[in-house]
Each structure stands twice: as C-alpha cells, then as structure tokens.
Amino acid sequence: MRISEDVIEQANKRAAWKKSHYPAAIAVRYDQHLGRIIIELTTGIGIIIAPRDLQGFQDATLEELSEAEISPSGFGIYFPKLDADVYLPRLLEGFLGTELWMAERKGQR
C-alpha cells in the first residue's frame, strides 16, 4: 500500500503545528523518593506526576518505572517494562488516560 503525497503533506502539517504549540520532552525519570515521574520539557518546565494518576501505571513497580524512552518527536514517552505510553500533548491537556478511563475515575471521586 502506497501512501499518497497529499496524506504525507497533511501529516507533516499536523506535526509542524504540534511542534509550534506544545513543548517536547527532553528528559524523563522516576524519582523513587518522591514517588513521581518527572518529565523535563524544552521550555525548562518540569511535570511531576504520580504513576497512580496515569492509566496503566497504577500498579507499576520501581523496576517498571525505572526505564523510559522519549520518542524522536519528544511527544511520546514509552515505558518498555510496562509496555505503556504517555502522549505528552494529551497529558498537558489534562488527559491522564482514555476518555472512558477518565470518566470512570471522575465517578470514583
């Protein structure tokens, strides 16, 4: 299956828009003393988040959180030992999981 030039051009435009509207991750680590994932952004700002607040991370162990990879775009953070991803633009918009998962969590609070 060949992807058309138009589809590629549209994807490149969306990527350029995201790069101009969202900061990218430049570093990520798990701080076991704080019990938080720390994401450093290109803007110099850091995000600190408890794993229990991310879908799929609630029962993550120190070993599973100790390894993370940042995608080439800087928008994706992959935790290979959990086989779980965090998509930075959605995280910055306040989405910590799928819409269904978020709605279920709101019902618990």
PDB file of N, CA and C in Angstrom:
ATOM      1  N   MET A   1       0.845  -1.182   0.000  1.00  0.00           N
ATOM      2  CA  MET A   1       0.000   0.000   0.000  1.00  0.00           C
ATOM      3  C   MET A   1       0.889   1.244   0.000  1.00  0.00           C
ATOM      4  N   ARG A   2       0.670   2.099  -0.943  1.00  0.00           N
ATOM      5  CA  ARG A   2       1.455   3.328  -1.065  1.00  0.00           C
ATOM      6  C   ARG A   2       0.661   4.493  -0.473  1.00  0.00           C
ATOM      7  N   ILE A   3       1.335   5.307   0.317  1.00  0.00           N
ATOM      8  CA  ILE A   3       0.704   6.478   0.918  1.00  0.00           C
ATOM      9  C   ILE A   3       0.855   7.646  -0.054  1.00  0.00           C
ATOM     10  N   SER A   4      -0.243   8.350  -0.286  1.00  0.00           N
ATOM     11  CA  SER A   4      -0.212   9.444  -1.251  1.00  0.00           C
ATOM     12  C   SER A   4       0.587  10.632  -0.703  1.00  0.00           C
ATOM     13  N   GLU A   5       1.075  11.439  -1.607  1.00  0.00           N
ATOM     14  CA  GLU A   5       1.820  12.646  -1.243  1.00  0.00           C
ATOM     15  C   GLU A   5       0.947  13.602  -0.426  1.00  0.00           C
ATOM     16  N   ASP A   6      -0.339  13.644  -0.743  1.00  0.00           N
ATOM     17  CA  ASP A   6      -1.266  14.518  -0.018  1.00  0.00           C
ATOM     18  C   ASP A   6      -1.384  14.093   1.445  1.00  0.00           C
ATOM     19  N   VAL A   7      -1.464  12.793   1.683  1.00  0.00           N
ATOM     20  CA  VAL A   7      -1.561  12.290   3.052  1.00  0.00           C
ATOM     21  C   VAL A   7      -0.287  12.626   3.824  1.00  0.00           C
ATOM     22  N   ILE A   8       0.856  12.458   3.198  1.00  0.00           N
ATOM     23  CA  ILE A   8       2.139  12.774   3.831  1.00  0.00           C
ATOM     24  C   ILE A   8       2.230  14.271   4.126  1.00  0.00           C
ATOM     25  N   GLU A   9       1.809  15.101   3.177  1.00  0.00           N
ATOM     26  CA  GLU A   9       1.845  16.558   3.367  1.00  0.00           C
ATOM     27  C   GLU A   9       0.953  16.978   4.539  1.00  0.00           C
ATOM     28  N   GLN A  10      -0.242  16.410   4.617  1.00  0.00           N
ATOM     29  CA  GLN A  10      -1.149  16.728   5.726  1.00  0.00           C
ATOM     30  C   GLN A  10      -0.564  16.294   7.066  1.00  0.00           C
ATOM     31  N   ALA A  11       0.064  15.133   7.104  1.00  0.00           N
ATOM     32  CA  ALA A  11       0.695  14.654   8.345  1.00  0.00           C
ATOM     33  C   ALA A  11       1.836  15.576   8.752  1.00  0.00           C
ATOM     34  N   ASN A  12       2.619  16.022   7.792  1.00  0.00           N
ATOM     35  CA  ASN A  12       3.715  16.948   8.090  1.00  0.00           C
ATOM     36  C   ASN A  12       3.196  18.284   8.609  1.00  0.00           C
ATOM     37  N   LYS A  13       2.079  18.748   8.080  1.00  0.00           N
ATOM     38  CA  LYS A  13       1.477  19.998   8.557  1.00  0.00           C
ATOM     39  C   LYS A  13       0.988  19.843  10.001  1.00  0.00           C
ATOM     40  N   ARG A  14       0.349  18.704  10.300  1.00  0.00           N
ATOM     41  CA  ARG A  14      -0.115  18.474  11.674  1.00  0.00           C
ATOM     42  C   ARG A  14       1.068  18.404  12.637  1.00  0.00           C
ATOM     43  N   ALA A  15       2.136  17.754  12.210  1.00  0.00           N
ATOM     44  CA  ALA A  15       3.323  17.644  13.073  1.00  0.00           C
ATOM     45  C   ALA A  15       3.946  19.020  13.309  1.00  0.00           C
ATOM     46  N   ALA A  16       4.026  19.838  12.275  1.00  0.00           N
ATOM     47  CA  ALA A  16       4.583  21.185  12.426  1.00  0.00           C
ATOM     48  C   ALA A  16       3.716  22.023  13.366  1.00  0.00           C
ATOM     49  N   TRP A  17       2.400  21.889  13.248  1.00  0.00           N
ATOM     50  CA  TRP A  17       1.503  22.622  14.140  1.00  0.00           C
ATOM     51  C   TRP A  17       1.736  22.201  15.582  1.00  0.00           C
ATOM     52  N   LYS A  18       1.816  20.892  15.835  1.00  0.00           N
ATOM     53  CA  LYS A  18       2.037  20.414  17.209  1.00  0.00           C
ATOM     54  C   LYS A  18       3.366  20.919  17.757  1.00  0.00           C
ATOM     55  N   LYS A  19       4.406  20.891  16.933  1.00  0.00           N
ATOM     56  CA  LYS A  19       5.711  21.359  17.403  1.00  0.00           C
ATOM     57  C   LYS A  19       5.686  22.835  17.759  1.00  0.00           C
ATOM     58  N   SER A  20       4.819  23.604  17.106  1.00  0.00           N
ATOM     59  CA  SER A  20       4.747  25.033  17.402  1.00  0.00           C
ATOM     60  C   SER A  20       3.815  25.338  18.578  1.00  0.00           C
ATOM     61  N   HIS A  21       3.003  24.368  19.007  1.00  0.00           N
ATOM     62  CA  HIS A  21       2.024  24.606  20.070  1.00  0.00           C
ATOM     63  C   HIS A  21       2.284  23.847  21.367  1.00  0.00           C
ATOM     64  N   TYR A  22       3.146  22.855  21.329  1.00  0.00           N
ATOM     65  CA  TYR A  22       3.417  22.051  22.523  1.00  0.00           C
ATOM     66  C   TYR A  22       4.917  21.914  22.739  1.00  0.00           C
ATOM     67  N   PRO A  23       5.351  21.971  23.991  1.00  0.00           N
ATOM     68  CA  PRO A  23       6.767  21.680  24.260  1.00  0.00           C
ATOM     69  C   PRO A  23       6.994  20.175  24.143  1.00  0.00           C
ATOM     70  N   ALA A  24       8.234  19.800  23.943  1.00  0.00           N
ATOM     71  CA  ALA A  24       8.597  18.385  23.843  1.00  0.00           C
ATOM     72  C   ALA A  24       9.358  17.979  25.100  1.00  0.00           C
ATOM     73  N   ALA A  25       9.342  16.689  25.359  1.00  0.00           N
ATOM     74  CA  ALA A  25      10.108  16.144  26.481  1.00  0.00           C
ATOM     75  C   ALA A  25      11.571  16.026  26.074  1.00  0.00           C
ATOM     76  N   ILE A  26      12.467  16.389  26.991  1.00  0.00           N
ATOM     77  CA  ILE A  26      13.895  16.222  26.730  1.00  0.00           C
ATOM     78  C   ILE A  26      14.528  15.255  27.731  1.00  0.00           C
ATOM     79  N   ALA A  27      13.817  14.985  28.820  1.00  0.00           N
ATOM     80  CA  ALA A  27      14.320  14.026  29.813  1.00  0.00           C
ATOM     81  C   ALA A  27      13.138  13.503  30.607  1.00  0.00           C
ATOM     82  N   VAL A  28      13.275  12.257  31.056  1.00  0.00           N
ATOM     83  CA  VAL A  28      12.249  11.660  31.903  1.00  0.00           C
ATOM     84  C   VAL A  28      12.930  10.704  32.874  1.00  0.00           C
ATOM     85  N   ARG A  29      12.423  10.702  34.108  1.00  0.00           N
ATOM     86  CA  ARG A  29      12.974   9.783  35.104  1.00  0.00           C
ATOM     87  C   ARG A  29      11.922   9.562  36.178  1.00  0.00           C
ATOM     88  N   TYR A  30      12.102   8.480  36.907  1.00  0.00           N
ATOM     89  CA  TYR A  30      11.248   8.211  38.050  1.00  0.00           C
ATOM     90  C   TYR A  30      12.046   8.511  39.305  1.00  0.00           C
ATOM     91  N   ASP A  31      11.512   9.358  40.165  1.00  0.00           N
ATOM     92  CA  ASP A  31      12.153   9.701  41.426  1.00  0.00           C
ATOM     93  C   ASP A  31      11.487   8.864  42.520  1.00  0.00           C
ATOM     94  N   GLN A  32      12.198   7.856  43.005  1.00  0.00           N
ATOM     95  CA  GLN A  32      11.582   6.962  43.977  1.00  0.00           C
ATOM     96  C   GLN A  32      11.363   7.623  45.329  1.00  0.00           C
ATOM     97  N   HIS A  33      12.141   8.651  45.662  1.00  0.00           N
ATOM     98  CA  HIS A  33      11.933   9.350  46.937  1.00  0.00           C
ATOM     99  C   HIS A  33      10.626  10.142  46.911  1.00  0.00           C
ATOM    100  N   LEU A  34      10.342  10.759  45.785  1.00  0.00           N
ATOM    101  CA  LEU A  34       9.076  11.488  45.629  1.00  0.00           C
ATOM    102  C   LEU A  34       7.934  10.558  45.241  1.00  0.00           C
ATOM    103  N   GLY A  35       8.284   9.412  44.636  1.00  0.00           N
ATOM    104  CA  GLY A  35       7.257   8.514  44.120  1.00  0.00           C
ATOM    105  C   GLY A  35       6.560   9.105  42.916  1.00  0.00           C
ATOM    106  N   ARG A  36       7.315   9.842  42.100  1.00  0.00           N
ATOM    107  CA  ARG A  36       6.737  10.560  40.971  1.00  0.00           C
ATOM    108  C   ARG A  36       7.589  10.392  39.703  1.00  0.00           C
ATOM    109  N   ILE A  37       6.912  10.467  38.567  1.00  0.00           N
ATOM    110  CA  ILE A  37       7.575  10.536  37.271  1.00  0.00           C
ATOM    111  C   ILE A  37       7.837  12.015  37.005  1.00  0.00           C
ATOM    112  N   ILE A  38       9.056  12.327  36.613  1.00  0.00           N
ATOM    113  CA  ILE A  38       9.430  13.716  36.332  1.00  0.00           C
ATOM    114  C   ILE A  38       9.773  13.826  34.855  1.00  0.00           C
ATOM    115  N   ILE A  39       9.082  14.715  34.160  1.00  0.00           N
ATOM    116  CA  ILE A  39       9.305  14.941  32.736  1.00  0.00           C
ATOM    117  C   ILE A  39       9.807  16.363  32.561  1.00  0.00           C
ATOM    118  N   GLU A  40      10.996  16.510  32.001  1.00  0.00           N
ATOM    119  CA  GLU A  40      11.550  17.840  31.721  1.00  0.00           C
ATOM    120  C   GLU A  40      11.214  18.215  30.279  1.00  0.00           C
ATOM    121  N   LEU A  41      10.769  19.456  30.088  1.00  0.00           N
ATOM    122  CA  LEU A  41      10.336  19.937  28.785  1.00  0.00           C
ATOM    123  C   LEU A  41      11.336  20.916  28.173  1.00  0.00           C
ATOM    124  N   THR A  42      11.210  21.120  26.882  1.00  0.00           N
ATOM    125  CA  THR A  42      12.088  22.043  26.164  1.00  0.00           C
ATOM    126  C   THR A  42      11.955  23.474  26.666  1.00  0.00           C
ATOM    127  N   THR A  43      10.857  23.787  27.324  1.00  0.00           N
ATOM    128  CA  THR A  43      10.618  25.134  27.847  1.00  0.00           C
ATOM    129  C   THR A  43      11.333  25.387  29.173  1.00  0.00           C
ATOM    130  N   GLY A  44      11.925  24.329  29.746  1.00  0.00           N
ATOM    131  CA  GLY A  44      12.560  24.458  31.044  1.00  0.00           C
ATOM    132  C   GLY A  44      11.623  24.112  32.193  1.00  0.00           C
ATOM    133  N   ILE A  45      10.377  23.878  31.868  1.00  0.00           N
ATOM    134  CA  ILE A  45       9.386  23.493  32.872  1.00  0.00           C
ATOM    135  C   ILE A  45       9.426  21.983  33.048  1.00  0.00           C
ATOM    136  N   GLY A  46       9.104  21.536  34.255  1.00  0.00           N
ATOM    137  CA  GLY A  46       9.021  20.111  34.509  1.00  0.00           C
ATOM    138  C   GLY A  46       7.618  19.724  34.931  1.00  0.00           C
ATOM    139  N   ILE A  47       7.229  18.530  34.592  1.00  0.00           N
ATOM    140  CA  ILE A  47       5.943  17.972  35.012  1.00  0.00           C
ATOM    141  C   ILE A  47       6.260  16.862  36.001  1.00  0.00           C
ATOM    142  N   ILE A  48       5.591  16.870  37.126  1.00  0.00           N
ATOM    143  CA  ILE A  48       5.767  15.839  38.135  1.00  0.00           C
ATOM    144  C   ILE A  48       4.411  15.185  38.338  1.00  0.00           C
ATOM    145  N   ILE A  49       4.357  13.868  38.138  1.00  0.00           N
ATOM    146  CA  ILE A  49       3.072  13.180  38.208  1.00  0.00           C
ATOM    147  C   ILE A  49       3.207  11.835  38.911  1.00  0.00           C
ATOM    148  N   ALA A  50       2.233  11.517  39.727  1.00  0.00           N
ATOM    149  CA  ALA A  50       2.206  10.227  40.417  1.00  0.00           C
ATOM    150  C   ALA A  50       1.777   9.142  39.431  1.00  0.00           C
ATOM    151  N   PRO A  51       2.473   8.025  39.392  1.00  0.00           N
ATOM    152  CA  PRO A  51       2.081   6.947  38.482  1.00  0.00           C
ATOM    153  C   PRO A  51       0.632   6.497  38.671  1.00  0.00           C
ATOM    154  N   ARG A  52       0.127   6.537  39.899  1.00  0.00           N
ATOM    155  CA  ARG A  52      -1.253   6.104  40.145  1.00  0.00           C
ATOM    156  C   ARG A  52      -2.274   6.947  39.389  1.00  0.00           C
ATOM    157  N   ASP A  53      -1.864   8.137  38.942  1.00  0.00           N
ATOM    158  CA  ASP A  53      -2.768   9.024  38.214  1.00  0.00           C
ATOM    159  C   ASP A  53      -2.744   8.816  36.710  1.00  0.00           C
ATOM    160  N   LEU A  54      -1.933   7.890  36.227  1.00  0.00           N
ATOM    161  CA  LEU A  54      -1.849   7.591  34.798  1.00  0.00           C
ATOM    162  C   LEU A  54      -2.449   6.224  34.512  1.00  0.00           C
ATOM    163  N   GLN A  55      -3.267   6.151  33.490  1.00  0.00           N
ATOM    164  CA  GLN A  55      -3.875   4.877  33.113  1.00  0.00           C
ATOM    165  C   GLN A  55      -2.796   3.850  32.791  1.00  0.00           C
ATOM    166  N   GLY A  56      -2.910   2.686  33.398  1.00  0.00           N
ATOM    167  CA  GLY A  56      -1.973   1.602  33.152  1.00  0.00           C
ATOM    168  C   GLY A  56      -0.747   1.621  34.041  1.00  0.00           C
ATOM    169  N   PHE A  57      -0.617   2.646  34.863  1.00  0.00           N
ATOM    170  CA  PHE A  57       0.559   2.787  35.722  1.00  0.00           C
ATOM    171  C   PHE A  57       0.242   2.568  37.202  1.00  0.00           C
ATOM    172  N   GLN A  58      -1.008   2.332  37.548  1.00  0.00           N
ATOM    173  CA  GLN A  58      -1.438   2.296  38.942  1.00  0.00           C
ATOM    174  C   GLN A  58      -0.646   1.292  39.784  1.00  0.00           C
ATOM    175  N   ASP A  59      -0.331   0.150  39.240  1.00  0.00           N
ATOM    176  CA  ASP A  59       0.362  -0.893  39.997  1.00  0.00           C
ATOM    177  C   ASP A  59       1.817  -1.060  39.569  1.00  0.00           C
ATOM    178  N   ALA A  60       2.369  -0.064  38.901  1.00  0.00           N
ATOM    179  CA  ALA A  60       3.736  -0.153  38.389  1.00  0.00           C
ATOM    180  C   ALA A  60       4.755  -0.237  39.522  1.00  0.00           C
ATOM    181  N   THR A  61       5.763  -1.049  39.314  1.00  0.00           N
ATOM    182  CA  THR A  61       6.834  -1.202  40.295  1.00  0.00           C
ATOM    183  C   THR A  61       7.979  -0.239  39.984  1.00  0.00           C
ATOM    184  N   LEU A  62       8.868  -0.095  40.933  1.00  0.00           N
ATOM    185  CA  LEU A  62      10.055   0.739  40.739  1.00  0.00           C
ATOM    186  C   LEU A  62      10.837   0.272  39.516  1.00  0.00           C
ATOM    187  N   GLU A  63      10.997  -1.025  39.376  1.00  0.00           N
ATOM    188  CA  GLU A  63      11.727  -1.570  38.226  1.00  0.00           C
ATOM    189  C   GLU A  63      11.045  -1.204  36.910  1.00  0.00           C
ATOM    190  N   GLU A  64       9.724  -1.284  36.864  1.00  0.00           N
ATOM    191  CA  GLU A  64       8.988  -0.967  35.640  1.00  0.00           C
ATOM    192  C   GLU A  64       9.065   0.524  35.301  1.00  0.00           C
ATOM    193  N   LEU A  65       9.151   1.362  36.307  1.00  0.00           N
ATOM    194  CA  LEU A  65       9.198   2.803  36.086  1.00  0.00           C
ATOM    195  C   LEU A  65      10.609   3.338  35.865  1.00  0.00           C
ATOM    196  N   SER A  66      11.606   2.499  36.125  1.00  0.00           N
ATOM    197  CA  SER A  66      12.992   2.956  36.071  1.00  0.00           C
ATOM    198  C   SER A  66      13.522   3.149  34.658  1.00  0.00           C
ATOM    199  N   GLU A  67      12.812   2.627  33.677  1.00  0.00           N
ATOM    200  CA  GLU A  67      13.272   2.741  32.297  1.00  0.00           C
ATOM    201  C   GLU A  67      12.197   3.408  31.449  1.00  0.00           C
ATOM    202  N   ALA A  68      12.569   4.496  30.778  1.00  0.00           N
ATOM    203  CA  ALA A  68      11.636   5.209  29.905  1.00  0.00           C
ATOM    204  C   ALA A  68      12.398   5.724  28.686  1.00  0.00           C
ATOM    205  N   GLU A  69      11.708   5.768  27.569  1.00  0.00           N
ATOM    206  CA  GLU A  69      12.302   6.239  26.311  1.00  0.00           C
ATOM    207  C   GLU A  69      11.453   7.369  25.754  1.00  0.00           C
ATOM    208  N   ILE A  70      12.106   8.395  25.261  1.00  0.00           N
ATOM    209  CA  ILE A  70      11.409   9.526  24.642  1.00  0.00           C
ATOM    210  C   ILE A  70      11.434   9.322  23.133  1.00  0.00           C
ATOM    211  N   SER A  71      10.291   9.503  22.484  1.00  0.00           N
ATOM    212  CA  SER A  71      10.210   9.354  21.034  1.00  0.00           C
ATOM    213  C   SER A  71      11.017  10.456  20.345  1.00  0.00           C
ATOM    214  N   PRO A  72      11.388  10.265  19.088  1.00  0.00           N
ATOM    215  CA  PRO A  72      12.142  11.301  18.361  1.00  0.00           C
ATOM    216  C   PRO A  72      11.441  12.668  18.331  1.00  0.00           C
ATOM    217  N   SER A  73      10.098  12.668  18.312  1.00  0.00           N
ATOM    218  CA  SER A  73       9.374  13.949  18.294  1.00  0.00           C
ATOM    219  C   SER A  73       9.393  14.626  19.666  1.00  0.00           C
ATOM    220  N   GLY A  74       9.642  13.833  20.720  1.00  0.00           N
ATOM    221  CA  GLY A  74       9.585  14.370  22.074  1.00  0.00           C
ATOM    222  C   GLY A  74       8.183  14.375  22.652  1.00  0.00           C
ATOM    223  N   PHE A  75       7.203  13.891  21.884  1.00  0.00           N
ATOM    224  CA  PHE A  75       5.817  13.891  22.339  1.00  0.00           C
ATOM    225  C   PHE A  75       5.399  12.579  22.981  1.00  0.00           C
ATOM    226  N   GLY A  76       6.134  11.529  22.746  1.00  0.00           N
ATOM    227  CA  GLY A  76       5.792  10.226  23.298  1.00  0.00           C
ATOM    228  C   GLY A  76       6.827   9.775  24.307  1.00  0.00           C
ATOM    229  N   ILE A  77       6.357   9.192  25.401  1.00  0.00           N
ATOM    230  CA  ILE A  77       7.255   8.623  26.397  1.00  0.00           C
ATOM    231  C   ILE A  77       6.820   7.176  26.581  1.00  0.00           C
ATOM    232  N   TYR A  78       7.744   6.263  26.347  1.00  0.00           N
ATOM    233  CA  TYR A  78       7.448   4.834  26.386  1.00  0.00           C
ATOM    234  C   TYR A  78       8.156   4.189  27.560  1.00  0.00           C
ATOM    235  N   PHE A  79       7.403   3.405  28.310  1.00  0.00           N
ATOM    236  CA  PHE A  79       7.929   2.632  29.428  1.00  0.00           C
ATOM    237  C   PHE A  79       7.919   1.169  28.995  1.00  0.00           C
ATOM    238  N   PRO A  80       9.050   0.669  28.473  1.00  0.00           N
ATOM    239  CA  PRO A  80       9.067  -0.675  27.881  1.00  0.00           C
ATOM    240  C   PRO A  80       8.718  -1.802  28.850  1.00  0.00           C
ATOM    241  N   LYS A  81       9.083  -1.686  30.095  1.00  0.00           N
ATOM    242  CA  LYS A  81       8.791  -2.768  31.042  1.00  0.00           C
ATOM    243  C   LYS A  81       7.311  -2.824  31.406  1.00  0.00           C
ATOM    244  N   LEU A  82       6.587  -1.753  31.151  1.00  0.00           N
ATOM    245  CA  LEU A  82       5.134  -1.725  31.339  1.00  0.00           C
ATOM    246  C   LEU A  82       4.399  -1.909  30.019  1.00  0.00           C
ATOM    247  N   ASP A  83       5.129  -1.745  28.915  1.00  0.00           N
ATOM    248  CA  ASP A  83       4.547  -1.685  27.578  1.00  0.00           C
ATOM    249  C   ASP A  83       3.437  -0.633  27.567  1.00  0.00           C
ATOM    250  N   ALA A  84       3.767   0.550  28.089  1.00  0.00           N
ATOM    251  CA  ALA A  84       2.800   1.641  28.202  1.00  0.00           C
ATOM    252  C   ALA A  84       3.420   2.947  27.724  1.00  0.00           C
ATOM    253  N   ASP A  85       2.569   3.774  27.148  1.00  0.00           N
ATOM    254  CA  ASP A  85       2.993   5.065  26.605  1.00  0.00           C
ATOM    255  C   ASP A  85       2.275   6.207  27.295  1.00  0.00           C
ATOM    256  N   VAL A  86       2.943   7.352  27.311  1.00  0.00           N
ATOM    257  CA  VAL A  86       2.338   8.611  27.717  1.00  0.00           C
ATOM    258  C   VAL A  86       2.492   9.542  26.517  1.00  0.00           C
ATOM    259  N   TYR A  87       1.387  10.139  26.076  1.00  0.00           N
ATOM    260  CA  TYR A  87       1.419  11.067  24.956  1.00  0.00           C
ATOM    261  C   TYR A  87       1.387  12.478  25.536  1.00  0.00           C
ATOM    262  N   LEU A  88       2.499  13.169  25.441  1.00  0.00           N
ATOM    263  CA  LEU A  88       2.696  14.448  26.105  1.00  0.00           C
ATOM    264  C   LEU A  88       1.637  15.506  25.776  1.00  0.00           C
ATOM    265  N   PRO A  89       1.264  15.738  24.512  1.00  0.00           N
ATOM    266  CA  PRO A  89       0.230  16.752  24.266  1.00  0.00           C
ATOM    267  C   PRO A  89      -1.070  16.480  25.028  1.00  0.00           C
ATOM    268  N   ARG A  90      -1.493  15.241  25.091  1.00  0.00           N
ATOM    269  CA  ARG A  90      -2.722  14.914  25.827  1.00  0.00           C
ATOM    270  C   ARG A  90      -2.510  15.097  27.334  1.00  0.00           C
ATOM    271  N   LEU A  91      -1.333  14.724  27.821  1.00  0.00           N
ATOM    272  CA  LEU A  91      -1.032  14.908  29.239  1.00  0.00           C
ATOM    273  C   LEU A  91      -1.095  16.393  29.603  1.00  0.00           C
ATOM    274  N   LEU A  92      -0.535  17.241  28.752  1.00  0.00           N
ATOM    275  CA  LEU A  92      -0.552  18.677  29.004  1.00  0.00           C
ATOM    276  C   LEU A  92      -1.968  19.250  28.959  1.00  0.00           C
ATOM    277  N   GLU A  93      -2.858  18.566  28.240  1.00  0.00           N
ATOM    278  CA  GLU A  93      -4.255  18.988  28.184  1.00  0.00           C
ATOM    279  C   GLU A  93      -5.060  18.441  29.365  1.00  0.00           C
ATOM    280  N   GLY A  94      -4.396  17.668  30.215  1.00  0.00           N
ATOM    281  CA  GLY A  94      -5.066  17.143  31.400  1.00  0.00           C
ATOM    282  C   GLY A  94      -5.633  15.756  31.256  1.00  0.00           C
ATOM    283  N   PHE A  95      -5.337  15.088  30.137  1.00  0.00           N
ATOM    284  CA  PHE A  95      -5.832  13.734  29.930  1.00  0.00           C
ATOM    285  C   PHE A  95      -4.784  12.741  30.414  1.00  0.00           C
ATOM    286  N   LEU A  96      -5.160  11.960  31.411  1.00  0.00           N
ATOM    287  CA  LEU A  96      -4.238  11.011  32.024  1.00  0.00           C
ATOM    288  C   LEU A  96      -4.489   9.590  31.537  1.00  0.00           C
ATOM    289  N   GLY A  97      -5.437   9.431  30.639  1.00  0.00           N
ATOM    290  CA  GLY A  97      -5.792   8.135  30.068  1.00  0.00           C
ATOM    291  C   GLY A  97      -6.865   8.343  29.013  1.00  0.00           C
ATOM    292  N   THR A  98      -7.513   7.261  28.605  1.00  0.00           N
ATOM    293  CA  THR A  98      -8.580   7.373  27.611  1.00  0.00           C
ATOM    294  C   THR A  98      -9.763   8.134  28.209  1.00  0.00           C
ATOM    295  N   GLU A  99     -10.639   8.614  27.353  1.00  0.00           N
ATOM    296  CA  GLU A  99     -11.805   9.354  27.842  1.00  0.00           C
ATOM    297  C   GLU A  99     -12.674   8.478  28.744  1.00  0.00           C
ATOM    298  N   LEU A 100     -12.830   7.205  28.390  1.00  0.00           N
ATOM    299  CA  LEU A 100     -13.617   6.291  29.221  1.00  0.00           C
ATOM    300  C   LEU A 100     -12.967   6.127  30.593  1.00  0.00           C
ATOM    301  N   TRP A 101     -11.666   5.934  30.618  1.00  0.00           N
ATOM    302  CA  TRP A 101     -10.946   5.764  31.884  1.00  0.00           C
ATOM    303  C   TRP A 101     -11.067   7.026  32.735  1.00  0.00           C
ATOM    304  N   MET A 102     -10.930   8.175  32.105  1.00  0.00           N
ATOM    305  CA  MET A 102     -11.053   9.441  32.829  1.00  0.00           C
ATOM    306  C   MET A 102     -12.461   9.587  33.416  1.00  0.00           C
ATOM    307  N   ALA A 103     -13.476   9.231  32.643  1.00  0.00           N
ATOM    308  CA  ALA A 103     -14.856   9.337  33.127  1.00  0.00           C
ATOM    309  C   ALA A 103     -15.083   8.394  34.296  1.00  0.00           C
ATOM    310  N   GLU A 104     -14.538   7.202  34.226  1.00  0.00           N
ATOM    311  CA  GLU A 104     -14.665   6.256  35.334  1.00  0.00           C
ATOM    312  C   GLU A 104     -13.991   6.792  36.589  1.00  0.00           C
ATOM    313  N   ARG A 105     -12.828   7.405  36.439  1.00  0.00           N
ATOM    314  CA  ARG A 105     -12.113   7.975  37.591  1.00  0.00           C
ATOM    315  C   ARG A 105     -12.907   9.120  38.204  1.00  0.00           C
ATOM    316  N   LYS A 106     -13.506   9.946  37.379  1.00  0.00           N
ATOM    317  CA  LYS A 106     -14.300  11.061  37.903  1.00  0.00           C
ATOM    318  C   LYS A 106     -15.480  10.537  38.716  1.00  0.00           C
ATOM    319  N   GLY A 107     -16.033   9.395  38.302  1.00  0.00           N
ATOM    320  CA  GLY A 107     -17.133   8.806  39.038  1.00  0.00           C
ATOM    321  C   GLY A 107     -16.710   8.258  40.392  1.00  0.00           C
ATOM    322  N   GLN A 108     -15.417   7.957  40.540  1.00  0.00           N
ATOM    323  CA  GLN A 108     -14.897   7.429  41.810  1.00  0.00           C
ATOM    324  C   GLN A 108     -14.639   8.537  42.810  1.00  0.00           C
ATOM    325  N   ARG A 109     -14.463   9.747  42.359  1.00  0.00           N
ATOM    326  CA  ARG A 109     -14.100  10.853  43.256  1.00  0.00           C
ATOM    327  C   ARG A 109     -15.313  11.534  43.830  1.00  0.00           C
TER     328      ARG A 109
END
